[in-house]
């Protein structure tokens, strides 16, 4: 099991905004990559009302110790009052891919 890396899921109301946000995280080496899905359907309860909305989603591959910085950045820049930012463990993977994540998220 690898505990050094994880997948961070972020959703947003706009695919272009999320792609730009993803690019910033990669430029700053907070993430090795982001797999963006431009259209998802999100059904959720917010402040007593049920919403059924189109959103975008990204799955970021990064180091676990960088998650707090990603959360902080999302809280500063995200258009939502309470953005969805969750980290999921990567239990196993291709050793070469895991090493690539670690290499790409190391300080330049």
C-alpha atoms as a PDB file:
ATOM      1  CA  UNK A   1       0.000   0.000   0.000  1.00  0.00           C
ATOM      2  CA  UNK A   2       1.213   3.479  -0.794  1.00  0.00           C
ATOM      3  CA  UNK A   3       0.278   6.196   1.661  1.00  0.00           C
ATOM      4  CA  UNK A   4       2.404   8.948   0.156  1.00  0.00           C
ATOM      5  CA  UNK A   5       0.077   9.640  -2.770  1.00  0.00           C
ATOM      6  CA  UNK A   6      -3.640  10.208  -3.097  1.00  0.00           C
ATOM      7  CA  UNK A   7      -6.374  11.287  -5.470  1.00  0.00           C
ATOM      8  CA  UNK A   8      -8.042  14.609  -4.737  1.00  0.00           C
ATOM      9  CA  UNK A   9     -11.530  15.135  -6.150  1.00  0.00           C
ATOM     10  CA  UNK A  10     -12.784  18.675  -6.736  1.00  0.00           C
ATOM     11  CA  UNK A  11     -16.064  19.701  -8.337  1.00  0.00           C
ATOM     12  CA  UNK A  12     -16.998  23.109  -9.727  1.00  0.00           C
ATOM     13  CA  UNK A  13     -19.858  24.756 -11.604  1.00  0.00           C
ATOM     14  CA  UNK A  14     -17.770  25.535 -14.699  1.00  0.00           C
ATOM     15  CA  UNK A  15     -15.452  23.195 -16.661  1.00  0.00           C
ATOM     16  CA  UNK A  16     -13.244  26.027 -17.933  1.00  0.00           C
ATOM     17  CA  UNK A  17     -12.752  27.455 -14.450  1.00  0.00           C
ATOM     18  CA  UNK A  18     -11.859  23.994 -13.148  1.00  0.00           C
ATOM     19  CA  UNK A  19      -9.399  23.338 -16.007  1.00  0.00           C
ATOM     20  CA  UNK A  20      -7.661  26.657 -15.303  1.00  0.00           C
ATOM     21  CA  UNK A  21      -7.570  25.889 -11.575  1.00  0.00           C
ATOM     22  CA  UNK A  22      -6.123  22.442 -12.351  1.00  0.00           C
ATOM     23  CA  UNK A  23      -3.446  24.005 -14.554  1.00  0.00           C
ATOM     24  CA  UNK A  24      -2.426  26.370 -11.729  1.00  0.00           C
ATOM     25  CA  UNK A  25      -2.050  23.456  -9.311  1.00  0.00           C
ATOM     26  CA  UNK A  26       0.130  21.591 -11.797  1.00  0.00           C
ATOM     27  CA  UNK A  27       2.206  24.698 -12.593  1.00  0.00           C
ATOM     28  CA  UNK A  28       2.863  25.097  -8.865  1.00  0.00           C
ATOM     29  CA  UNK A  29       3.698  21.379  -8.493  1.00  0.00           C
ATOM     30  CA  UNK A  30       0.814  20.839  -6.081  1.00  0.00           C
ATOM     31  CA  UNK A  31      -0.435  18.079  -8.386  1.00  0.00           C
ATOM     32  CA  UNK A  32       1.194  15.857 -10.993  1.00  0.00           C
ATOM     33  CA  UNK A  33      -1.903  15.724 -13.179  1.00  0.00           C
ATOM     34  CA  UNK A  34      -5.632  16.300 -13.270  1.00  0.00           C
ATOM     35  CA  UNK A  35      -8.171  14.158 -15.090  1.00  0.00           C
ATOM     36  CA  UNK A  36     -10.966  16.591 -15.855  1.00  0.00           C
ATOM     37  CA  UNK A  37     -14.506  15.519 -16.669  1.00  0.00           C
ATOM     38  CA  UNK A  38     -16.336  18.438 -18.221  1.00  0.00           C
ATOM     39  CA  UNK A  39     -19.902  17.365 -17.464  1.00  0.00           C
ATOM     40  CA  UNK A  40     -21.236  15.503 -14.467  1.00  0.00           C
ATOM     41  CA  UNK A  41     -24.668  15.632 -12.880  1.00  0.00           C
ATOM     42  CA  UNK A  42     -24.664  16.505  -9.224  1.00  0.00           C
ATOM     43  CA  UNK A  43     -27.717  15.949  -7.029  1.00  0.00           C
ATOM     44  CA  UNK A  44     -27.338  17.274  -3.504  1.00  0.00           C
ATOM     45  CA  UNK A  45     -29.047  18.981  -0.604  1.00  0.00           C
ATOM     46  CA  UNK A  46     -27.901  22.541   0.154  1.00  0.00           C
ATOM     47  CA  UNK A  47     -29.509  24.692   2.837  1.00  0.00           C
ATOM     48  CA  UNK A  48     -32.679  22.639   2.908  1.00  0.00           C
ATOM     49  CA  UNK A  49     -33.262  22.439  -0.852  1.00  0.00           C
ATOM     50  CA  UNK A  50     -32.434  19.580  -3.205  1.00  0.00           C
ATOM     51  CA  UNK A  51     -30.460  20.687  -6.264  1.00  0.00           C
ATOM     52  CA  UNK A  52     -29.905  18.874  -9.564  1.00  0.00           C
ATOM     53  CA  UNK A  53     -27.076  20.660 -11.383  1.00  0.00           C
ATOM     54  CA  UNK A  54     -24.431  20.181 -14.044  1.00  0.00           C
ATOM     55  CA  UNK A  55     -20.905  20.453 -12.705  1.00  0.00           C
ATOM     56  CA  UNK A  56     -17.348  19.598 -13.726  1.00  0.00           C
ATOM     57  CA  UNK A  57     -15.039  17.250 -11.813  1.00  0.00           C
ATOM     58  CA  UNK A  58     -11.305  16.732 -11.596  1.00  0.00           C
ATOM     59  CA  UNK A  59      -9.313  13.863 -10.116  1.00  0.00           C
ATOM     60  CA  UNK A  60      -5.870  15.131  -9.121  1.00  0.00           C
ATOM     61  CA  UNK A  61      -2.942  12.811  -8.424  1.00  0.00           C
ATOM     62  CA  UNK A  62      -0.682  14.254  -5.780  1.00  0.00           C
ATOM     63  CA  UNK A  63       1.225  13.731  -2.553  1.00  0.00           C
ATOM     64  CA  UNK A  64      -0.842  13.346   0.592  1.00  0.00           C
ATOM     65  CA  UNK A  65       1.174  16.066   2.329  1.00  0.00           C
ATOM     66  CA  UNK A  66       0.129  18.596  -0.361  1.00  0.00           C
ATOM     67  CA  UNK A  67      -3.613  18.172   0.278  1.00  0.00           C
ATOM     68  CA  UNK A  68      -3.777  20.990   2.885  1.00  0.00           C
ATOM     69  CA  UNK A  69      -2.275  23.430   0.358  1.00  0.00           C
ATOM     70  CA  UNK A  70      -4.793  22.335  -2.292  1.00  0.00           C
ATOM     71  CA  UNK A  71      -7.654  22.792   0.176  1.00  0.00           C
ATOM     72  CA  UNK A  72      -6.373  26.235   1.126  1.00  0.00           C
ATOM     73  CA  UNK A  73      -6.089  27.269  -2.531  1.00  0.00           C
ATOM     74  CA  UNK A  74      -9.605  25.978  -3.279  1.00  0.00           C
ATOM     75  CA  UNK A  75     -11.013  27.862  -0.297  1.00  0.00           C
ATOM     76  CA  UNK A  76      -9.395  31.070  -1.606  1.00  0.00           C
ATOM     77  CA  UNK A  77     -10.291  30.788  -5.297  1.00  0.00           C
ATOM     78  CA  UNK A  78     -13.266  28.458  -5.713  1.00  0.00           C
ATOM     79  CA  UNK A  79     -16.602  30.053  -6.672  1.00  0.00           C
ATOM     80  CA  UNK A  80     -18.534  27.902  -4.172  1.00  0.00           C
ATOM     81  CA  UNK A  81     -18.940  28.905  -0.544  1.00  0.00           C
ATOM     82  CA  UNK A  82     -18.192  25.309   0.461  1.00  0.00           C
ATOM     83  CA  UNK A  83     -16.268  23.583  -2.327  1.00  0.00           C
ATOM     84  CA  UNK A  84     -16.114  19.799  -2.604  1.00  0.00           C
ATOM     85  CA  UNK A  85     -12.460  18.885  -2.027  1.00  0.00           C
ATOM     86  CA  UNK A  86     -11.843  15.339  -0.820  1.00  0.00           C
ATOM     87  CA  UNK A  87      -8.743  13.149  -0.781  1.00  0.00           C
ATOM     88  CA  UNK A  88      -8.898   9.411  -1.382  1.00  0.00           C
ATOM     89  CA  UNK A  89      -5.995   7.049  -0.691  1.00  0.00           C
ATOM     90  CA  UNK A  90      -4.292   5.285  -3.567  1.00  0.00           C
ATOM     91  CA  UNK A  91      -3.899   1.788  -2.168  1.00  0.00           C
ATOM     92  CA  UNK A  92      -1.713   0.472  -4.987  1.00  0.00           C
ATOM     93  CA  UNK A  93      -0.584   1.346  -8.473  1.00  0.00           C
ATOM     94  CA  UNK A  94       2.079   0.989 -11.074  1.00  0.00           C
ATOM     95  CA  UNK A  95       5.355   1.678  -9.263  1.00  0.00           C
ATOM     96  CA  UNK A  96       6.556   3.792 -12.181  1.00  0.00           C
ATOM     97  CA  UNK A  97       3.368   5.890 -12.146  1.00  0.00           C
ATOM     98  CA  UNK A  98       3.516   6.379  -8.365  1.00  0.00           C
ATOM     99  CA  UNK A  99       7.146   7.481  -8.700  1.00  0.00           C
ATOM    100  CA  UNK A 100       6.144   9.893 -11.480  1.00  0.00           C
ATOM    101  CA  UNK A 101       3.545  11.498  -9.166  1.00  0.00           C
ATOM    102  CA  UNK A 102       6.194  11.873  -6.472  1.00  0.00           C
ATOM    103  CA  UNK A 103       8.730  13.290  -8.922  1.00  0.00           C
ATOM    104  CA  UNK A 104       6.313  15.800 -10.483  1.00  0.00           C
ATOM    105  CA  UNK A 105       5.172  17.127  -7.111  1.00  0.00           C
ATOM    106  CA  UNK A 106       8.672  17.615  -5.739  1.00  0.00           C
ATOM    107  CA  UNK A 107      10.071  21.138  -5.615  1.00  0.00           C
ATOM    108  CA  UNK A 108      11.700  22.014  -8.956  1.00  0.00           C
END
